Amino acid sequence: MKFQQWLANFRRTAQPEEFTALSSSYRLEIERMQAEVLDYLLRPLLIDEEKQPEAA
């Protein structure tokens, strides 16, 4: 979320040339992180992952 917040703020304050130059790399990073989250959420849950540690 920090990348998205930073990009939204930068969009309001930066010159168009600056924004174009920097936004593409931040967009790629946001897309990479979202893909990792989706990959994690869409993979099957393994039996060992279902077990919760017992409270002491």
N, C-alpha and C. Protein backbone atom coordinates (compact mmCIF):
# COMPACT_ATOMS: atom_id res chain seq x y z
N MET A 1 0.80 -1.20 0.00
CA MET A 1 0.00 0.00 0.00
C MET A 1 0.85 1.27 0.00
N LYS A 2 2.03 1.20 0.57
CA LYS A 2 2.87 2.41 0.61
C LYS A 2 3.20 2.89 -0.79
N PHE A 3 3.49 1.94 -1.70
CA PHE A 3 3.79 2.34 -3.07
C PHE A 3 2.60 3.06 -3.69
N GLN A 4 1.40 2.54 -3.45
CA GLN A 4 0.20 3.15 -4.02
C GLN A 4 -0.04 4.54 -3.44
N GLN A 5 0.14 4.69 -2.15
CA GLN A 5 -0.04 6.00 -1.51
C GLN A 5 1.00 6.99 -2.01
N TRP A 6 2.24 6.54 -2.09
CA TRP A 6 3.31 7.42 -2.57
C TRP A 6 3.04 7.84 -4.00
N LEU A 7 2.63 6.89 -4.84
CA LEU A 7 2.37 7.19 -6.24
C LEU A 7 1.20 8.17 -6.38
N ALA A 8 0.15 8.00 -5.59
CA ALA A 8 -0.99 8.91 -5.64
C ALA A 8 -0.57 10.32 -5.21
N ASN A 9 0.26 10.43 -4.18
CA ASN A 9 0.75 11.73 -3.74
C ASN A 9 1.66 12.36 -4.78
N PHE A 10 2.55 11.55 -5.32
CA PHE A 10 3.48 12.04 -6.34
C PHE A 10 2.74 12.52 -7.58
N ARG A 11 1.64 11.86 -7.90
CA ARG A 11 0.84 12.25 -9.07
C ARG A 11 0.30 13.68 -8.92
N ARG A 12 -0.04 14.04 -7.69
CA ARG A 12 -0.58 15.39 -7.44
C ARG A 12 0.49 16.46 -7.43
N THR A 13 1.73 16.09 -7.06
CA THR A 13 2.75 17.11 -6.82
C THR A 13 3.85 17.20 -7.88
N ALA A 14 4.02 16.17 -8.68
CA ALA A 14 5.15 16.12 -9.61
C ALA A 14 4.84 16.78 -10.94
N GLN A 15 5.89 17.19 -11.61
CA GLN A 15 5.76 17.66 -12.99
C GLN A 15 5.46 16.45 -13.87
N PRO A 16 4.73 16.64 -14.97
CA PRO A 16 4.37 15.50 -15.82
C PRO A 16 5.57 14.66 -16.27
N GLU A 17 6.69 15.31 -16.58
CA GLU A 17 7.87 14.56 -17.03
C GLU A 17 8.41 13.67 -15.91
N GLU A 18 8.43 14.22 -14.69
CA GLU A 18 8.91 13.45 -13.54
C GLU A 18 8.00 12.25 -13.27
N PHE A 19 6.72 12.52 -13.31
CA PHE A 19 5.76 11.46 -13.00
C PHE A 19 5.86 10.31 -13.99
N THR A 20 5.95 10.63 -15.26
CA THR A 20 6.05 9.59 -16.28
C THR A 20 7.30 8.75 -16.08
N ALA A 21 8.40 9.38 -15.76
CA ALA A 21 9.66 8.67 -15.60
C ALA A 21 9.64 7.71 -14.41
N LEU A 22 9.08 8.15 -13.30
CA LEU A 22 9.11 7.33 -12.08
C LEU A 22 7.92 6.38 -11.93
N SER A 23 6.79 6.75 -12.46
CA SER A 23 5.59 5.94 -12.21
C SER A 23 5.66 4.55 -12.83
N SER A 24 6.34 4.41 -13.95
CA SER A 24 6.38 3.09 -14.59
C SER A 24 7.08 2.06 -13.71
N SER A 25 8.17 2.44 -13.06
CA SER A 25 8.87 1.47 -12.21
C SER A 25 8.06 1.15 -10.95
N TYR A 26 7.37 2.14 -10.40
CA TYR A 26 6.54 1.87 -9.24
C TYR A 26 5.34 1.02 -9.61
N ARG A 27 4.79 1.24 -10.79
CA ARG A 27 3.68 0.41 -11.24
C ARG A 27 4.11 -1.05 -11.36
N LEU A 28 5.28 -1.29 -11.91
CA LEU A 28 5.78 -2.66 -12.03
C LEU A 28 5.95 -3.31 -10.66
N GLU A 29 6.43 -2.55 -9.69
CA GLU A 29 6.60 -3.09 -8.34
C GLU A 29 5.25 -3.40 -7.70
N ILE A 30 4.27 -2.53 -7.87
CA ILE A 30 2.92 -2.78 -7.34
C ILE A 30 2.33 -4.03 -7.98
N GLU A 31 2.46 -4.16 -9.29
CA GLU A 31 1.93 -5.33 -9.99
C GLU A 31 2.64 -6.61 -9.54
N ARG A 32 3.94 -6.54 -9.30
CA ARG A 32 4.69 -7.71 -8.83
C ARG A 32 4.18 -8.16 -7.45
N MET A 33 3.98 -7.19 -6.55
CA MET A 33 3.50 -7.52 -5.21
C MET A 33 2.08 -8.09 -5.26
N GLN A 34 1.21 -7.51 -6.09
CA GLN A 34 -0.15 -8.02 -6.21
C GLN A 34 -0.15 -9.44 -6.77
N ALA A 35 0.72 -9.72 -7.72
CA ALA A 35 0.82 -11.07 -8.29
C ALA A 35 1.26 -12.07 -7.23
N GLU A 36 2.21 -11.69 -6.38
CA GLU A 36 2.66 -12.57 -5.30
C GLU A 36 1.52 -12.88 -4.33
N VAL A 37 0.74 -11.88 -4.00
CA VAL A 37 -0.39 -12.10 -3.09
C VAL A 37 -1.42 -13.03 -3.73
N LEU A 38 -1.75 -12.79 -4.99
CA LEU A 38 -2.71 -13.66 -5.68
C LEU A 38 -2.20 -15.09 -5.79
N ASP A 39 -0.93 -15.26 -6.11
CA ASP A 39 -0.35 -16.60 -6.18
C ASP A 39 -0.49 -17.32 -4.84
N TYR A 40 -0.22 -16.61 -3.77
CA TYR A 40 -0.33 -17.19 -2.43
C TYR A 40 -1.78 -17.57 -2.12
N LEU A 41 -2.70 -16.67 -2.38
CA LEU A 41 -4.10 -16.91 -2.03
C LEU A 41 -4.75 -18.00 -2.88
N LEU A 42 -4.26 -18.19 -4.09
CA LEU A 42 -4.89 -19.14 -5.00
C LEU A 42 -4.25 -20.52 -4.99
N ARG A 43 -3.19 -20.70 -4.23
CA ARG A 43 -2.58 -22.03 -4.17
C ARG A 43 -3.33 -22.88 -3.15
N PRO A 44 -3.34 -24.20 -3.37
CA PRO A 44 -4.05 -25.08 -2.43
C PRO A 44 -3.42 -25.03 -1.04
N LEU A 45 -4.25 -25.16 -0.04
CA LEU A 45 -3.78 -25.19 1.34
C LEU A 45 -3.31 -26.60 1.65
N LEU A 46 -2.09 -26.74 2.11
CA LEU A 46 -1.54 -28.05 2.45
C LEU A 46 -1.94 -28.43 3.87
N ILE A 47 -1.97 -29.73 4.15
CA ILE A 47 -2.40 -30.22 5.46
C ILE A 47 -1.58 -29.59 6.59
N ASP A 48 -0.27 -29.51 6.44
CA ASP A 48 0.58 -28.93 7.48
C ASP A 48 0.26 -27.47 7.74
N GLU A 49 -0.18 -26.76 6.72
CA GLU A 49 -0.50 -25.34 6.88
C GLU A 49 -1.80 -25.14 7.64
N GLU A 50 -2.68 -26.16 7.63
CA GLU A 50 -3.96 -26.05 8.32
C GLU A 50 -3.80 -26.11 9.83
N LYS A 51 -2.77 -26.83 10.29
CA LYS A 51 -2.57 -26.99 11.73
C LYS A 51 -2.15 -25.66 12.35
N GLN A 52 -2.86 -25.27 13.37
CA GLN A 52 -2.54 -24.05 14.10
C GLN A 52 -1.71 -24.43 15.33
N PRO A 53 -0.71 -23.66 15.67
CA PRO A 53 0.05 -23.96 16.88
C PRO A 53 -0.85 -23.86 18.11
N GLU A 54 -0.65 -24.79 19.03
CA GLU A 54 -1.46 -24.79 20.25
C GLU A 54 -1.01 -23.66 21.17
N ALA A 55 -1.98 -23.01 21.80
CA ALA A 55 -1.67 -21.93 22.74
C ALA A 55 -1.05 -22.51 23.99
N ALA A 56 -0.04 -21.84 24.51
CA ALA A 56 0.65 -22.34 25.71
C ALA A 56 -0.07 -21.94 26.96
